[in-house]
């Protein structure tokens, strides 16, 4: 089971990847969720813990479900994702790997 620090680091990677995918700056996201750019930086680096309503605000701003920003819980889910991305084009597989922060084979 992942530590709370690992969970926030993984969540930060998911937030950063989605923010970049939709071409938002940290300032753009900060303004949409009423936080500072520094807070967004710290969230993306896993250094700042935040409340559940902030997760919902961030997800809404990034136009995804809050569950899309929560890291995978265990290796069974990782295996399922691995199976699902096999048929994707190489660039989409690489994006999935970068979002998950793990090397999928």
N, C-alpha and C. Protein backbone atom coordinates (compact mmCIF):
# COMPACT_ATOMS: atom_id res chain seq x y z
N UNK A 1 0.84 -1.18 0.00
CA UNK A 1 0.00 0.00 0.00
C UNK A 1 0.88 1.24 0.00
N UNK A 2 0.52 2.22 -0.77
CA UNK A 2 1.30 3.44 -0.90
C UNK A 2 1.15 4.31 0.35
N UNK A 3 2.20 5.02 0.68
CA UNK A 3 2.15 5.97 1.79
C UNK A 3 1.38 7.20 1.36
N UNK A 4 0.98 8.01 2.33
CA UNK A 4 0.24 9.23 1.97
C UNK A 4 1.10 10.15 1.11
N UNK A 5 2.41 10.19 1.36
CA UNK A 5 3.29 11.02 0.55
C UNK A 5 3.30 10.54 -0.90
N UNK A 6 3.36 9.22 -1.08
CA UNK A 6 3.35 8.67 -2.44
C UNK A 6 2.03 8.95 -3.14
N UNK A 7 0.94 8.87 -2.41
CA UNK A 7 -0.38 9.15 -3.00
C UNK A 7 -0.44 10.59 -3.50
N UNK A 8 0.02 11.54 -2.67
CA UNK A 8 -0.02 12.94 -3.09
C UNK A 8 0.95 13.21 -4.24
N UNK A 9 2.10 12.53 -4.26
CA UNK A 9 3.03 12.69 -5.38
C UNK A 9 2.39 12.17 -6.67
N UNK A 10 1.76 11.02 -6.60
CA UNK A 10 1.11 10.45 -7.78
C UNK A 10 -0.06 11.31 -8.23
N UNK A 11 -0.84 11.81 -7.28
CA UNK A 11 -1.95 12.68 -7.63
C UNK A 11 -1.44 13.96 -8.30
N UNK A 12 -0.34 14.49 -7.78
CA UNK A 12 0.26 15.68 -8.37
C UNK A 12 0.69 15.45 -9.81
N UNK A 13 1.25 14.26 -10.08
CA UNK A 13 1.65 13.94 -11.46
C UNK A 13 0.42 13.86 -12.37
N UNK A 14 -0.66 13.30 -11.87
CA UNK A 14 -1.88 13.21 -12.67
C UNK A 14 -2.45 14.60 -12.96
N UNK A 15 -2.43 15.46 -11.97
CA UNK A 15 -2.92 16.83 -12.15
C UNK A 15 -2.06 17.57 -13.16
N UNK A 16 -0.74 17.48 -13.00
CA UNK A 16 0.18 18.16 -13.92
C UNK A 16 0.01 17.65 -15.36
N UNK A 17 -0.08 16.34 -15.51
CA UNK A 17 -0.23 15.77 -16.86
C UNK A 17 -1.52 16.26 -17.51
N UNK A 18 -2.60 16.28 -16.77
CA UNK A 18 -3.87 16.75 -17.35
C UNK A 18 -3.80 18.24 -17.66
N UNK A 19 -3.20 19.01 -16.74
CA UNK A 19 -3.09 20.46 -16.97
C UNK A 19 -2.32 20.74 -18.24
N UNK A 20 -1.22 20.03 -18.43
CA UNK A 20 -0.41 20.24 -19.63
C UNK A 20 -1.15 19.76 -20.88
N UNK A 21 -1.89 18.66 -20.75
CA UNK A 21 -2.62 18.14 -21.91
C UNK A 21 -3.63 19.15 -22.45
N UNK A 22 -4.26 19.90 -21.55
CA UNK A 22 -5.25 20.88 -22.02
C UNK A 22 -4.63 22.28 -22.15
N UNK A 23 -3.29 22.33 -22.06
CA UNK A 23 -2.53 23.55 -22.32
C UNK A 23 -2.87 24.68 -21.34
N UNK A 24 -3.01 24.32 -20.07
CA UNK A 24 -3.18 25.32 -19.00
C UNK A 24 -1.83 25.56 -18.36
N UNK A 25 -1.59 26.79 -17.98
CA UNK A 25 -0.44 27.10 -17.14
C UNK A 25 -0.84 26.86 -15.68
N UNK A 26 0.14 26.87 -14.81
CA UNK A 26 -0.19 26.77 -13.38
C UNK A 26 -1.02 27.97 -12.95
N UNK A 27 -0.73 29.13 -13.50
CA UNK A 27 -1.54 30.33 -13.20
C UNK A 27 -2.99 30.15 -13.64
N UNK A 28 -3.19 29.58 -14.84
CA UNK A 28 -4.55 29.34 -15.33
C UNK A 28 -5.34 28.48 -14.34
N UNK A 29 -4.72 27.38 -13.93
CA UNK A 29 -5.39 26.48 -13.00
C UNK A 29 -5.61 27.15 -11.65
N UNK A 30 -4.62 27.85 -11.17
CA UNK A 30 -4.73 28.53 -9.88
C UNK A 30 -5.90 29.51 -9.86
N UNK A 31 -6.06 30.27 -10.92
CA UNK A 31 -7.16 31.23 -10.98
C UNK A 31 -8.51 30.54 -10.99
N UNK A 32 -8.60 29.41 -11.68
CA UNK A 32 -9.87 28.69 -11.79
C UNK A 32 -10.29 28.02 -10.48
N UNK A 33 -9.32 27.72 -9.62
CA UNK A 33 -9.65 27.04 -8.36
C UNK A 33 -9.39 27.92 -7.14
N UNK A 34 -9.11 29.19 -7.37
CA UNK A 34 -8.92 30.16 -6.30
C UNK A 34 -7.78 29.78 -5.35
N UNK A 35 -6.66 29.37 -5.95
CA UNK A 35 -5.43 29.09 -5.21
C UNK A 35 -4.32 29.93 -5.82
N UNK A 36 -3.18 29.94 -5.17
CA UNK A 36 -2.02 30.63 -5.75
C UNK A 36 -1.28 29.68 -6.69
N UNK A 37 -0.48 30.25 -7.56
CA UNK A 37 0.35 29.44 -8.45
C UNK A 37 1.31 28.59 -7.62
N UNK A 38 1.80 29.14 -6.53
CA UNK A 38 2.71 28.39 -5.65
C UNK A 38 2.01 27.17 -5.08
N UNK A 39 0.74 27.30 -4.72
CA UNK A 39 0.00 26.14 -4.21
C UNK A 39 -0.13 25.07 -5.29
N UNK A 40 -0.40 25.49 -6.52
CA UNK A 40 -0.51 24.52 -7.61
C UNK A 40 0.83 23.82 -7.82
N UNK A 41 1.92 24.58 -7.77
CA UNK A 41 3.25 23.99 -7.89
C UNK A 41 3.47 22.94 -6.80
N UNK A 42 3.13 23.29 -5.57
CA UNK A 42 3.33 22.37 -4.46
C UNK A 42 2.41 21.16 -4.55
N UNK A 43 1.18 21.34 -5.01
CA UNK A 43 0.27 20.21 -5.20
C UNK A 43 0.83 19.27 -6.27
N UNK A 44 1.28 19.82 -7.38
CA UNK A 44 1.80 19.00 -8.46
C UNK A 44 3.07 18.25 -8.05
N UNK A 45 3.80 18.77 -7.11
CA UNK A 45 5.02 18.11 -6.63
C UNK A 45 4.75 17.19 -5.44
N UNK A 46 3.49 17.13 -5.01
CA UNK A 46 3.12 16.27 -3.89
C UNK A 46 3.52 16.80 -2.53
N UNK A 47 3.87 18.07 -2.47
CA UNK A 47 4.32 18.67 -1.21
C UNK A 47 3.19 19.30 -0.42
N UNK A 48 2.05 19.51 -1.04
CA UNK A 48 0.94 20.17 -0.36
C UNK A 48 -0.28 19.25 -0.36
N UNK A 49 -0.73 18.91 0.83
CA UNK A 49 -1.95 18.13 0.96
C UNK A 49 -3.13 19.10 0.82
N UNK A 50 -4.25 18.57 0.37
CA UNK A 50 -5.40 19.44 0.16
C UNK A 50 -6.69 18.69 0.48
N UNK A 51 -7.75 19.44 0.71
CA UNK A 51 -9.03 18.87 1.08
C UNK A 51 -9.77 18.33 -0.14
N UNK A 52 -10.72 17.47 0.14
CA UNK A 52 -11.45 16.80 -0.94
C UNK A 52 -12.19 17.80 -1.83
N UNK A 53 -12.72 18.86 -1.28
CA UNK A 53 -13.43 19.83 -2.13
C UNK A 53 -12.46 20.50 -3.11
N UNK A 54 -11.19 20.62 -2.72
CA UNK A 54 -10.20 21.18 -3.63
C UNK A 54 -9.93 20.21 -4.78
N UNK A 55 -9.91 18.92 -4.49
CA UNK A 55 -9.77 17.92 -5.56
C UNK A 55 -10.91 18.07 -6.57
N UNK A 56 -12.14 18.25 -6.08
CA UNK A 56 -13.28 18.43 -6.97
C UNK A 56 -13.15 19.72 -7.77
N UNK A 57 -12.68 20.79 -7.13
CA UNK A 57 -12.49 22.06 -7.85
C UNK A 57 -11.43 21.91 -8.95
N UNK A 58 -10.34 21.24 -8.63
CA UNK A 58 -9.28 21.03 -9.61
C UNK A 58 -9.79 20.18 -10.76
N UNK A 59 -10.50 19.10 -10.44
CA UNK A 59 -11.04 18.22 -11.48
C UNK A 59 -12.01 18.99 -12.38
N UNK A 60 -12.85 19.79 -11.80
CA UNK A 60 -13.80 20.58 -12.59
C UNK A 60 -13.05 21.52 -13.53
N UNK A 61 -12.03 22.19 -13.01
CA UNK A 61 -11.24 23.12 -13.83
C UNK A 61 -10.52 22.40 -14.96
N UNK A 62 -10.09 21.16 -14.69
CA UNK A 62 -9.36 20.38 -15.70
C UNK A 62 -10.29 19.55 -16.57
N UNK A 63 -11.58 19.67 -16.32
CA UNK A 63 -12.62 19.00 -17.12
C UNK A 63 -12.47 17.48 -17.11
N UNK A 64 -12.24 16.93 -15.91
CA UNK A 64 -12.18 15.48 -15.72
C UNK A 64 -12.94 15.13 -14.44
N UNK A 65 -13.21 13.86 -14.29
CA UNK A 65 -13.79 13.36 -13.05
C UNK A 65 -12.74 13.40 -11.95
N UNK A 66 -13.13 13.66 -10.72
CA UNK A 66 -12.15 13.61 -9.63
C UNK A 66 -11.43 12.26 -9.55
N UNK A 67 -12.11 11.19 -9.92
CA UNK A 67 -11.46 9.88 -9.88
C UNK A 67 -10.32 9.76 -10.88
N UNK A 68 -10.33 10.58 -11.92
CA UNK A 68 -9.23 10.56 -12.90
C UNK A 68 -7.94 11.11 -12.30
N UNK A 69 -8.05 11.79 -11.17
CA UNK A 69 -6.89 12.40 -10.53
C UNK A 69 -6.42 11.62 -9.31
N UNK A 70 -7.06 10.49 -9.06
CA UNK A 70 -6.69 9.65 -7.93
C UNK A 70 -5.85 8.48 -8.46
N UNK A 71 -4.68 8.25 -7.87
CA UNK A 71 -3.80 7.19 -8.39
C UNK A 71 -4.39 5.80 -8.21
N UNK A 72 -3.90 4.89 -9.02
CA UNK A 72 -4.33 3.50 -8.94
C UNK A 72 -4.04 2.94 -7.56
N UNK A 73 -4.97 2.13 -7.07
CA UNK A 73 -4.88 1.63 -5.71
C UNK A 73 -3.95 0.43 -5.55
N UNK A 74 -3.87 -0.42 -6.55
CA UNK A 74 -3.05 -1.61 -6.38
C UNK A 74 -2.59 -2.16 -7.72
N UNK A 75 -1.80 -3.21 -7.67
CA UNK A 75 -1.21 -3.76 -8.87
C UNK A 75 -2.21 -4.45 -9.78
N UNK A 76 -3.33 -4.93 -9.23
CA UNK A 76 -4.37 -5.52 -10.08
C UNK A 76 -4.92 -4.47 -11.03
N UNK A 77 -5.16 -3.27 -10.51
CA UNK A 77 -5.64 -2.20 -11.37
C UNK A 77 -4.56 -1.82 -12.39
N UNK A 78 -3.32 -1.82 -11.97
CA UNK A 78 -2.22 -1.51 -12.88
C UNK A 78 -2.17 -2.53 -14.02
N UNK A 79 -2.36 -3.79 -13.70
CA UNK A 79 -2.37 -4.84 -14.72
C UNK A 79 -3.53 -4.63 -15.69
N UNK A 80 -4.68 -4.23 -15.17
CA UNK A 80 -5.84 -3.96 -16.03
C UNK A 80 -5.55 -2.80 -16.98
N UNK A 81 -4.97 -1.74 -16.46
CA UNK A 81 -4.62 -0.59 -17.30
C UNK A 81 -3.61 -1.02 -18.36
N UNK A 82 -2.62 -1.80 -17.96
CA UNK A 82 -1.61 -2.28 -18.89
C UNK A 82 -2.26 -3.03 -20.05
N UNK A 83 -3.21 -3.87 -19.72
CA UNK A 83 -3.91 -4.63 -20.76
C UNK A 83 -4.70 -3.70 -21.68
N UNK A 84 -5.31 -2.67 -21.11
CA UNK A 84 -6.14 -1.76 -21.89
C UNK A 84 -5.33 -0.87 -22.82
N UNK A 85 -4.09 -0.54 -22.45
CA UNK A 85 -3.33 0.38 -23.30
C UNK A 85 -2.54 -0.33 -24.39
N UNK A 86 -2.51 -1.65 -24.37
CA UNK A 86 -1.73 -2.39 -25.36
C UNK A 86 -2.07 -2.00 -26.79
N UNK A 87 -3.34 -1.80 -27.09
CA UNK A 87 -3.75 -1.52 -28.46
C UNK A 87 -3.67 -0.06 -28.86
N UNK A 88 -3.26 0.81 -27.95
CA UNK A 88 -3.19 2.24 -28.25
C UNK A 88 -1.97 2.55 -29.11
N UNK A 89 -2.04 3.64 -29.87
CA UNK A 89 -0.85 4.09 -30.59
C UNK A 89 0.27 4.41 -29.60
N UNK A 90 1.50 4.35 -30.05
CA UNK A 90 2.68 4.51 -29.18
C UNK A 90 2.64 5.81 -28.38
N UNK A 91 2.25 6.91 -29.00
CA UNK A 91 2.25 8.18 -28.27
C UNK A 91 1.22 8.19 -27.15
N UNK A 92 0.09 7.54 -27.36
CA UNK A 92 -0.93 7.47 -26.33
C UNK A 92 -0.50 6.54 -25.20
N UNK A 93 0.20 5.46 -25.53
CA UNK A 93 0.74 4.56 -24.49
C UNK A 93 1.75 5.32 -23.64
N UNK A 94 2.61 6.09 -24.28
CA UNK A 94 3.62 6.86 -23.54
C UNK A 94 2.96 7.89 -22.63
N UNK A 95 1.88 8.52 -23.12
CA UNK A 95 1.16 9.47 -22.28
C UNK A 95 0.59 8.76 -21.06
N UNK A 96 -0.04 7.61 -21.27
CA UNK A 96 -0.61 6.84 -20.16
C UNK A 96 0.47 6.48 -19.15
N UNK A 97 1.63 6.08 -19.63
CA UNK A 97 2.73 5.74 -18.73
C UNK A 97 3.18 6.96 -17.93
N UNK A 98 3.26 8.10 -18.59
CA UNK A 98 3.72 9.30 -17.89
C UNK A 98 2.70 9.74 -16.84
N UNK A 99 1.43 9.59 -17.15
CA UNK A 99 0.39 9.96 -16.19
C UNK A 99 0.44 9.05 -14.97
N UNK A 100 0.63 7.78 -15.20
CA UNK A 100 0.65 6.82 -14.10
C UNK A 100 1.94 6.91 -13.29
N UNK A 101 2.97 7.48 -13.89
CA UNK A 101 4.23 7.61 -13.18
C UNK A 101 4.93 6.28 -12.95
N UNK A 102 4.56 5.29 -13.74
CA UNK A 102 5.16 3.96 -13.62
C UNK A 102 5.49 3.45 -15.00
N UNK A 103 6.44 2.61 -15.06
CA UNK A 103 6.76 1.98 -16.35
C UNK A 103 5.86 0.77 -16.53
N UNK A 104 5.05 0.83 -17.54
CA UNK A 104 4.16 -0.29 -17.86
C UNK A 104 4.79 -1.09 -18.97
N UNK A 105 4.75 -2.35 -18.88
CA UNK A 105 5.30 -3.23 -19.91
C UNK A 105 4.19 -4.00 -20.58
